[in-house]
Amino acid sequence: MDRLKEERTARREQGTRLISEAKAAVETADWKTITELIEKLESNHDELVKINNEYEPYISEEDFAAEYEASVKYEEAAKEMLGQLKAQEAVLRNAKCPPSDSPAVPVRSGHTEGTALQRIPLNLPALQLQPFSGELCTWPSFWEKFKVLVHDNDALTKEEKFQYLKSLLTGAAAESIDGFQATGDCYDNAIDILTRRYGGLLPIFQEHMARLRSTPSVESSQDVRGLRNLFDH
């Protein structure tokens, strides 16, 4: 067990160094350097996942939540950095797509037949989309509307979808895809990063754990208000 713990620590430290190196290089490095960073980070991440799986049976129930949260933190950081590196690698590998003017979003008109489309302004007056800042509780509503109007809209190119996505992101959500170019590959990577960070069970679990930690403890079963507050969380 001690050997596994030491190996895990070494892999985590290596991953942190690689991520720091990648952050400094992602927007300025050449294709060869980006490719090498991807290979190193993927190899280290795979080894860390393997060690975590071997170490898991030795974790006590009392320490499991903290250990799990720490493991997830390292894993998500590696995956997010890999997404950015792969997006930049695609940009360097393929010809860059020049950004187009702010696109109008075509939607199917309720007053026409067949495949007729009606182009409406970017702010979508028929169904307003509120910007997404990274608040987990607002993601489901944002993604549901964005998916219908933009993501699944075959009348839009991926470059247009990406420009539309960036126009609706603020705060931490915008920072998570900062530096991405308006290309189809970058759009796919941006959606992957956002859905993993905000749309999976893991973020919900983490938010739930954070709320539980911040909830005052209930000292007595007669404390009705305290019990109600705990239940609401």
C-alpha atoms as a PDB file:
ATOM      1  CA  MET A   1       0.000   0.000   0.000  1.00  0.00           C
ATOM      2  CA  ASP A   2       2.835   2.401   0.858  1.00  0.00           C
ATOM      3  CA  ARG A   3       4.436   1.751  -2.529  1.00  0.00           C
ATOM      4  CA  LEU A   4       1.177   2.558  -4.319  1.00  0.00           C
ATOM      5  CA  LYS A   5       0.766   5.722  -2.286  1.00  0.00           C
ATOM      6  CA  GLU A   6       4.281   6.877  -3.188  1.00  0.00           C
ATOM      7  CA  GLU A   7       3.700   6.090  -6.861  1.00  0.00           C
ATOM      8  CA  ARG A   8       0.421   7.998  -6.785  1.00  0.00           C
ATOM      9  CA  THR A   9       2.099  11.037  -5.217  1.00  0.00           C
ATOM     10  CA  ALA A  10       4.852  10.964  -7.841  1.00  0.00           C
ATOM     11  CA  ARG A  11       2.336  10.698 -10.681  1.00  0.00           C
ATOM     12  CA  ARG A  12       0.231  13.549  -9.304  1.00  0.00           C
ATOM     13  CA  GLU A  13       3.297  15.771  -9.036  1.00  0.00           C
ATOM     14  CA  GLN A  14       4.323  14.857 -12.570  1.00  0.00           C
ATOM     15  CA  GLY A  15       0.817  15.626 -13.815  1.00  0.00           C
ATOM     16  CA  THR A  16       0.844  19.023 -12.105  1.00  0.00           C
ATOM     17  CA  ARG A  17       4.185  19.880 -13.725  1.00  0.00           C
ATOM     18  CA  LEU A  18       2.976  18.801 -17.157  1.00  0.00           C
ATOM     19  CA  ILE A  19      -0.238  20.814 -16.831  1.00  0.00           C
ATOM     20  CA  SER A  20       1.730  23.921 -15.820  1.00  0.00           C
ATOM     21  CA  GLU A  21       4.060  23.407 -18.776  1.00  0.00           C
ATOM     22  CA  ALA A  22       1.109  22.922 -21.112  1.00  0.00           C
ATOM     23  CA  LYS A  23      -0.686  26.048 -19.896  1.00  0.00           C
ATOM     24  CA  ALA A  24       2.397  28.112 -20.662  1.00  0.00           C
ATOM     25  CA  ALA A  25       2.838  26.565 -24.106  1.00  0.00           C
ATOM     26  CA  VAL A  26      -0.643  25.868 -25.437  1.00  0.00           C
ATOM     27  CA  GLU A  27      -1.040  29.125 -27.368  1.00  0.00           C
ATOM     28  CA  THR A  28       2.570  29.646 -28.473  1.00  0.00           C
ATOM     29  CA  ALA A  29       4.198  26.235 -28.972  1.00  0.00           C
ATOM     30  CA  ASP A  30       4.617  24.536 -32.340  1.00  0.00           C
ATOM     31  CA  TRP A  31       2.782  21.392 -33.455  1.00  0.00           C
ATOM     32  CA  LYS A  32       5.601  19.033 -32.411  1.00  0.00           C
ATOM     33  CA  THR A  33       5.763  20.427 -28.880  1.00  0.00           C
ATOM     34  CA  ILE A  34       1.980  20.272 -28.465  1.00  0.00           C
ATOM     35  CA  THR A  35       1.930  16.658 -29.688  1.00  0.00           C
ATOM     36  CA  GLU A  36       4.679  15.664 -27.255  1.00  0.00           C
ATOM     37  CA  LEU A  37       2.831  17.296 -24.367  1.00  0.00           C
ATOM     38  CA  ILE A  38      -0.345  15.418 -25.287  1.00  0.00           C
ATOM     39  CA  GLU A  39       1.508  12.091 -25.312  1.00  0.00           C
ATOM     40  CA  LYS A  40       3.213  12.767 -21.970  1.00  0.00           C
ATOM     41  CA  LEU A  41       0.037  13.953 -20.272  1.00  0.00           C
ATOM     42  CA  GLU A  42      -2.034  11.044 -21.603  1.00  0.00           C
ATOM     43  CA  SER A  43       0.593   8.520 -20.496  1.00  0.00           C
ATOM     44  CA  ASN A  44       0.845  10.022 -17.014  1.00  0.00           C
ATOM     45  CA  HIS A  45      -2.942  10.237 -16.693  1.00  0.00           C
ATOM     46  CA  ASP A  46      -3.404   6.592 -17.710  1.00  0.00           C
ATOM     47  CA  GLU A  47      -0.818   5.463 -15.156  1.00  0.00           C
ATOM     48  CA  LEU A  48      -2.439   7.558 -12.432  1.00  0.00           C
ATOM     49  CA  VAL A  49      -5.864   6.045 -13.153  1.00  0.00           C
ATOM     50  CA  LYS A  50      -4.328   2.573 -12.939  1.00  0.00           C
ATOM     51  CA  ILE A  51      -2.669   3.349  -9.594  1.00  0.00           C
ATOM     52  CA  ASN A  52      -5.896   4.871  -8.220  1.00  0.00           C
ATOM     53  CA  ASN A  53      -7.794   1.692  -9.091  1.00  0.00           C
ATOM     54  CA  GLU A  54      -5.183  -0.468  -7.356  1.00  0.00           C
ATOM     55  CA  TYR A  55      -5.077   1.789  -4.299  1.00  0.00           C
ATOM     56  CA  GLU A  56      -8.860   2.116  -3.860  1.00  0.00           C
ATOM     57  CA  PRO A  57      -9.395  -1.154  -1.872  1.00  0.00           C
ATOM     58  CA  TYR A  58      -7.025   0.135   0.822  1.00  0.00           C
ATOM     59  CA  ILE A  59      -8.962   3.362   1.449  1.00  0.00           C
ATOM     60  CA  SER A  60     -11.051   3.402   4.628  1.00  0.00           C
ATOM     61  CA  GLU A  61     -14.697   4.444   4.565  1.00  0.00           C
ATOM     62  CA  GLU A  62     -13.861   7.521   6.640  1.00  0.00           C
ATOM     63  CA  ASP A  63     -11.290   8.726   4.093  1.00  0.00           C
ATOM     64  CA  PHE A  64     -13.071   7.629   0.934  1.00  0.00           C
ATOM     65  CA  ALA A  65     -14.946  10.882   0.191  1.00  0.00           C
ATOM     66  CA  ALA A  66     -11.829  13.034   0.590  1.00  0.00           C
ATOM     67  CA  GLU A  67      -9.676  10.614  -1.416  1.00  0.00           C
ATOM     68  CA  TYR A  68     -12.273  10.405  -4.167  1.00  0.00           C
ATOM     69  CA  GLU A  69     -12.597  14.171  -4.399  1.00  0.00           C
ATOM     70  CA  ALA A  70      -8.810  14.579  -4.616  1.00  0.00           C
ATOM     71  CA  SER A  71      -8.546  11.933  -7.339  1.00  0.00           C
ATOM     72  CA  VAL A  72     -11.318  13.562  -9.326  1.00  0.00           C
ATOM     73  CA  LYS A  73      -9.628  16.950  -9.047  1.00  0.00           C
ATOM     74  CA  TYR A  74      -6.434  15.651 -10.640  1.00  0.00           C
ATOM     75  CA  GLU A  75      -8.318  13.673 -13.288  1.00  0.00           C
ATOM     76  CA  GLU A  76     -10.510  16.597 -14.348  1.00  0.00           C
ATOM     77  CA  ALA A  77      -7.516  18.958 -14.531  1.00  0.00           C
ATOM     78  CA  ALA A  78      -5.682  16.526 -16.809  1.00  0.00           C
ATOM     79  CA  LYS A  79      -8.704  15.964 -19.066  1.00  0.00           C
ATOM     80  CA  GLU A  80      -9.404  19.671 -19.370  1.00  0.00           C
ATOM     81  CA  MET A  81      -5.796  20.414 -20.312  1.00  0.00           C
ATOM     82  CA  LEU A  82      -5.789  17.564 -22.815  1.00  0.00           C
ATOM     83  CA  GLY A  83      -8.897  19.012 -24.426  1.00  0.00           C
ATOM     84  CA  GLN A  84      -7.208  22.378 -24.881  1.00  0.00           C
ATOM     85  CA  LEU A  85      -4.006  20.804 -26.207  1.00  0.00           C
ATOM     86  CA  LYS A  86      -5.875  18.655 -28.722  1.00  0.00           C
ATOM     87  CA  ALA A  87      -7.888  21.636 -29.889  1.00  0.00           C
ATOM     88  CA  GLN A  88      -4.716  23.644 -30.458  1.00  0.00           C
ATOM     89  CA  GLU A  89      -3.066  20.661 -32.142  1.00  0.00           C
ATOM     90  CA  ALA A  90      -5.986  20.505 -34.577  1.00  0.00           C
ATOM     91  CA  VAL A  91      -5.690  24.223 -35.266  1.00  0.00           C
ATOM     92  CA  LEU A  92      -1.984  23.883 -36.056  1.00  0.00           C
ATOM     93  CA  ARG A  93      -2.532  20.752 -38.130  1.00  0.00           C
ATOM     94  CA  ASN A  94      -5.343  22.102 -40.253  1.00  0.00           C
ATOM     95  CA  ALA A  95      -5.814  25.417 -41.959  1.00  0.00           C
ATOM     96  CA  LYS A  96      -7.270  27.995 -39.616  1.00  0.00           C
ATOM     97  CA  CYS A  97     -10.857  28.993 -40.352  1.00  0.00           C
ATOM     98  CA  PRO A  98     -11.222  32.796 -40.405  1.00  0.00           C
ATOM     99  CA  PRO A  99     -13.949  33.958 -38.046  1.00  0.00           C
ATOM    100  CA  SER A 100     -17.121  35.028 -39.808  1.00  0.00           C
ATOM    101  CA  ASP A 101     -19.348  37.908 -38.849  1.00  0.00           C
ATOM    102  CA  SER A 102     -21.740  37.350 -35.978  1.00  0.00           C
ATOM    103  CA  PRO A 103     -24.119  34.795 -37.451  1.00  0.00           C
ATOM    104  CA  ALA A 104     -27.846  34.926 -37.377  1.00  0.00           C
ATOM    105  CA  VAL A 105     -29.296  31.661 -36.119  1.00  0.00           C
ATOM    106  CA  PRO A 106     -31.558  29.877 -38.575  1.00  0.00           C
ATOM    107  CA  VAL A 107     -34.517  28.078 -37.023  1.00  0.00           C
ATOM    108  CA  ARG A 108     -37.432  26.280 -38.549  1.00  0.00           C
ATOM    109  CA  SER A 109     -40.326  28.674 -39.049  1.00  0.00           C
ATOM    110  CA  GLY A 110     -43.732  27.766 -37.739  1.00  0.00           C
ATOM    111  CA  HIS A 111     -45.324  29.510 -40.741  1.00  0.00           C
ATOM    112  CA  THR A 112     -43.617  27.537 -43.515  1.00  0.00           C
ATOM    113  CA  GLU A 113     -43.573  23.983 -44.730  1.00  0.00           C
ATOM    114  CA  GLY A 114     -40.905  21.428 -45.569  1.00  0.00           C
ATOM    115  CA  THR A 115     -37.330  22.499 -44.884  1.00  0.00           C
ATOM    116  CA  ALA A 116     -37.872  26.234 -45.084  1.00  0.00           C
ATOM    117  CA  LEU A 117     -35.753  28.208 -42.626  1.00  0.00           C
ATOM    118  CA  GLN A 118     -36.203  31.597 -41.092  1.00  0.00           C
ATOM    119  CA  ARG A 119     -33.117  33.534 -40.038  1.00  0.00           C
ATOM    120  CA  ILE A 120     -33.504  35.438 -36.811  1.00  0.00           C
ATOM    121  CA  PRO A 121     -31.077  37.722 -34.946  1.00  0.00           C
ATOM    122  CA  LEU A 122     -28.388  36.365 -32.665  1.00  0.00           C
ATOM    123  CA  ASN A 123     -30.309  37.268 -29.505  1.00  0.00           C
ATOM    124  CA  LEU A 124     -33.086  34.825 -30.453  1.00  0.00           C
ATOM    125  CA  PRO A 125     -36.183  36.845 -29.519  1.00  0.00           C
ATOM    126  CA  ALA A 126     -38.376  33.749 -29.903  1.00  0.00           C
ATOM    127  CA  LEU A 127     -36.507  32.031 -27.057  1.00  0.00           C
ATOM    128  CA  GLN A 128     -34.061  34.101 -25.066  1.00  0.00           C
ATOM    129  CA  LEU A 129     -30.907  32.336 -23.913  1.00  0.00           C
ATOM    130  CA  GLN A 130     -29.426  33.572 -20.667  1.00  0.00           C
ATOM    131  CA  PRO A 131     -25.605  33.613 -20.560  1.00  0.00           C
ATOM    132  CA  PHE A 132     -23.991  30.756 -18.656  1.00  0.00           C
ATOM    133  CA  SER A 133     -21.380  31.801 -16.087  1.00  0.00           C
ATOM    134  CA  GLY A 134     -20.440  28.428 -14.634  1.00  0.00           C
ATOM    135  CA  GLU A 135     -23.132  28.098 -11.986  1.00  0.00           C
ATOM    136  CA  LEU A 136     -23.841  24.376 -11.889  1.00  0.00           C
ATOM    137  CA  CYS A 137     -27.530  24.764 -11.076  1.00  0.00           C
ATOM    138  CA  THR A 138     -28.149  26.806 -14.247  1.00  0.00           C
ATOM    139  CA  TRP A 139     -26.394  24.426 -16.637  1.00  0.00           C
ATOM    140  CA  PRO A 140     -29.312  22.022 -17.357  1.00  0.00           C
ATOM    141  CA  SER A 141     -31.604  24.853 -18.449  1.00  0.00           C
ATOM    142  CA  PHE A 142     -28.900  26.547 -20.518  1.00  0.00           C
ATOM    143  CA  TRP A 143     -27.792  23.345 -22.232  1.00  0.00           C
ATOM    144  CA  GLU A 144     -31.340  22.212 -22.993  1.00  0.00           C
ATOM    145  CA  LYS A 145     -32.112  25.435 -24.869  1.00  0.00           C
ATOM    146  CA  PHE A 146     -28.700  25.772 -26.491  1.00  0.00           C
ATOM    147  CA  LYS A 147     -28.827  22.165 -27.686  1.00  0.00           C
ATOM    148  CA  VAL A 148     -32.192  22.645 -29.383  1.00  0.00           C
ATOM    149  CA  LEU A 149     -31.494  26.045 -30.942  1.00  0.00           C
ATOM    150  CA  VAL A 150     -27.820  25.735 -31.805  1.00  0.00           C
ATOM    151  CA  HIS A 151     -26.061  22.425 -31.139  1.00  0.00           C
ATOM    152  CA  ASP A 152     -28.575  20.249 -33.012  1.00  0.00           C
ATOM    153  CA  ASN A 153     -29.300  22.894 -35.648  1.00  0.00           C
ATOM    154  CA  ASP A 154     -28.056  21.404 -38.939  1.00  0.00           C
ATOM    155  CA  ALA A 155     -28.376  24.766 -40.676  1.00  0.00           C
ATOM    156  CA  LEU A 156     -25.384  26.073 -38.705  1.00  0.00           C
ATOM    157  CA  THR A 157     -21.746  25.230 -39.331  1.00  0.00           C
ATOM    158  CA  LYS A 158     -19.627  24.241 -36.345  1.00  0.00           C
ATOM    159  CA  GLU A 159     -17.704  27.486 -36.675  1.00  0.00           C
ATOM    160  CA  GLU A 160     -20.968  29.433 -36.323  1.00  0.00           C
ATOM    161  CA  LYS A 161     -22.034  27.253 -33.409  1.00  0.00           C
ATOM    162  CA  PHE A 162     -18.735  27.959 -31.688  1.00  0.00           C
ATOM    163  CA  GLN A 163     -19.058  31.720 -32.132  1.00  0.00           C
ATOM    164  CA  TYR A 164     -22.572  31.546 -30.776  1.00  0.00           C
ATOM    165  CA  LEU A 165     -21.415  29.452 -27.807  1.00  0.00           C
ATOM    166  CA  LYS A 166     -18.630  31.899 -26.913  1.00  0.00           C
ATOM    167  CA  SER A 167     -21.051  34.818 -27.041  1.00  0.00           C
ATOM    168  CA  LEU A 168     -23.159  33.143 -24.337  1.00  0.00           C
ATOM    169  CA  LEU A 169     -20.401  32.182 -21.886  1.00  0.00           C
ATOM    170  CA  THR A 170     -19.119  34.368 -19.069  1.00  0.00           C
ATOM    171  CA  GLY A 171     -17.016  33.939 -15.933  1.00  0.00           C
ATOM    172  CA  ALA A 172     -15.522  30.523 -15.197  1.00  0.00           C
ATOM    173  CA  ALA A 173     -17.372  28.920 -18.103  1.00  0.00           C
ATOM    174  CA  ALA A 174     -15.806  31.331 -20.590  1.00  0.00           C
ATOM    175  CA  GLU A 175     -12.363  30.871 -19.040  1.00  0.00           C
ATOM    176  CA  SER A 176     -12.576  27.089 -19.491  1.00  0.00           C
ATOM    177  CA  ILE A 177     -12.451  27.471 -23.292  1.00  0.00           C
ATOM    178  CA  ASP A 178     -10.491  30.714 -23.468  1.00  0.00           C
ATOM    179  CA  GLY A 179      -8.005  30.721 -26.325  1.00  0.00           C
ATOM    180  CA  PHE A 180      -9.885  28.268 -28.526  1.00  0.00           C
ATOM    181  CA  GLN A 181     -10.102  29.231 -32.199  1.00  0.00           C
ATOM    182  CA  ALA A 182     -13.401  29.311 -34.093  1.00  0.00           C
ATOM    183  CA  THR A 183     -12.979  25.930 -35.795  1.00  0.00           C
ATOM    184  CA  GLY A 184     -15.082  22.794 -35.930  1.00  0.00           C
ATOM    185  CA  ASP A 185     -12.538  20.784 -33.929  1.00  0.00           C
ATOM    186  CA  CYS A 186     -12.390  23.464 -31.266  1.00  0.00           C
ATOM    187  CA  TYR A 187     -16.179  23.498 -31.019  1.00  0.00           C
ATOM    188  CA  ASP A 188     -16.259  19.741 -30.375  1.00  0.00           C
ATOM    189  CA  ASN A 189     -13.575  20.066 -27.697  1.00  0.00           C
ATOM    190  CA  ALA A 190     -15.317  23.026 -26.085  1.00  0.00           C
ATOM    191  CA  ILE A 191     -18.613  21.127 -25.842  1.00  0.00           C
ATOM    192  CA  ASP A 192     -16.757  18.118 -24.420  1.00  0.00           C
ATOM    193  CA  ILE A 193     -15.101  20.246 -21.730  1.00  0.00           C
ATOM    194  CA  LEU A 194     -18.326  22.011 -20.743  1.00  0.00           C
ATOM    195  CA  THR A 195     -20.503  18.894 -20.627  1.00  0.00           C
ATOM    196  CA  ARG A 196     -17.910  17.003 -18.574  1.00  0.00           C
ATOM    197  CA  ARG A 197     -17.407  19.887 -16.167  1.00  0.00           C
ATOM    198  CA  TYR A 198     -21.040  20.882 -15.686  1.00  0.00           C
ATOM    199  CA  GLY A 199     -23.268  18.138 -17.058  1.00  0.00           C
ATOM    200  CA  GLY A 200     -22.087  14.910 -15.449  1.00  0.00           C
ATOM    201  CA  LEU A 201     -22.903  13.249 -12.159  1.00  0.00           C
ATOM    202  CA  LEU A 202     -19.509  14.166 -10.709  1.00  0.00           C
ATOM    203  CA  PRO A 203     -20.084  17.953 -10.557  1.00  0.00           C
ATOM    204  CA  ILE A 204     -23.474  17.309  -8.970  1.00  0.00           C
ATOM    205  CA  PHE A 205     -21.853  15.036  -6.394  1.00  0.00           C
ATOM    206  CA  GLN A 206     -19.213  17.649  -5.600  1.00  0.00           C
ATOM    207  CA  GLU A 207     -21.774  20.425  -5.212  1.00  0.00           C
ATOM    208  CA  HIS A 208     -23.926  18.208  -3.018  1.00  0.00           C
ATOM    209  CA  MET A 209     -20.936  17.377  -0.794  1.00  0.00           C
ATOM    210  CA  ALA A 210     -20.059  21.071  -0.523  1.00  0.00           C
ATOM    211  CA  ARG A 211     -23.619  21.913   0.524  1.00  0.00           C
ATOM    212  CA  LEU A 212     -23.634  19.158   3.116  1.00  0.00           C
ATOM    213  CA  ARG A 213     -20.370  20.437   4.593  1.00  0.00           C
ATOM    214  CA  SER A 214     -21.796  23.951   4.856  1.00  0.00           C
ATOM    215  CA  THR A 215     -25.028  22.790   6.514  1.00  0.00           C
ATOM    216  CA  PRO A 216     -25.107  23.315  10.312  1.00  0.00           C
ATOM    217  CA  SER A 217     -25.288  20.064  12.231  1.00  0.00           C
ATOM    218  CA  VAL A 218     -28.521  19.093  13.990  1.00  0.00           C
ATOM    219  CA  GLU A 219     -27.916  18.384  17.669  1.00  0.00           C
ATOM    220  CA  SER A 220     -31.377  17.127  18.559  1.00  0.00           C
ATOM    221  CA  SER A 221     -34.232  15.314  16.844  1.00  0.00           C
ATOM    222  CA  GLN A 222     -36.501  17.946  18.411  1.00  0.00           C
ATOM    223  CA  ASP A 223     -34.851  20.704  16.408  1.00  0.00           C
ATOM    224  CA  VAL A 224     -37.557  20.929  13.755  1.00  0.00           C
ATOM    225  CA  ARG A 225     -36.102  23.964  12.015  1.00  0.00           C
ATOM    226  CA  GLY A 226     -32.658  22.387  11.852  1.00  0.00           C
ATOM    227  CA  LEU A 227     -34.063  19.132  10.481  1.00  0.00           C
ATOM    228  CA  ARG A 228     -36.052  21.005   7.854  1.00  0.00           C
ATOM    229  CA  ASN A 229     -32.950  22.939   6.810  1.00  0.00           C
ATOM    230  CA  LEU A 230     -30.961  19.710   6.554  1.00  0.00           C
ATOM    231  CA  PHE A 231     -33.712  18.103   4.492  1.00  0.00           C
ATOM    232  CA  ASP A 232     -33.787  21.055   2.092  1.00  0.00           C
ATOM    233  CA  HIS A 233     -30.084  20.567   1.384  1.00  0.00           C
END
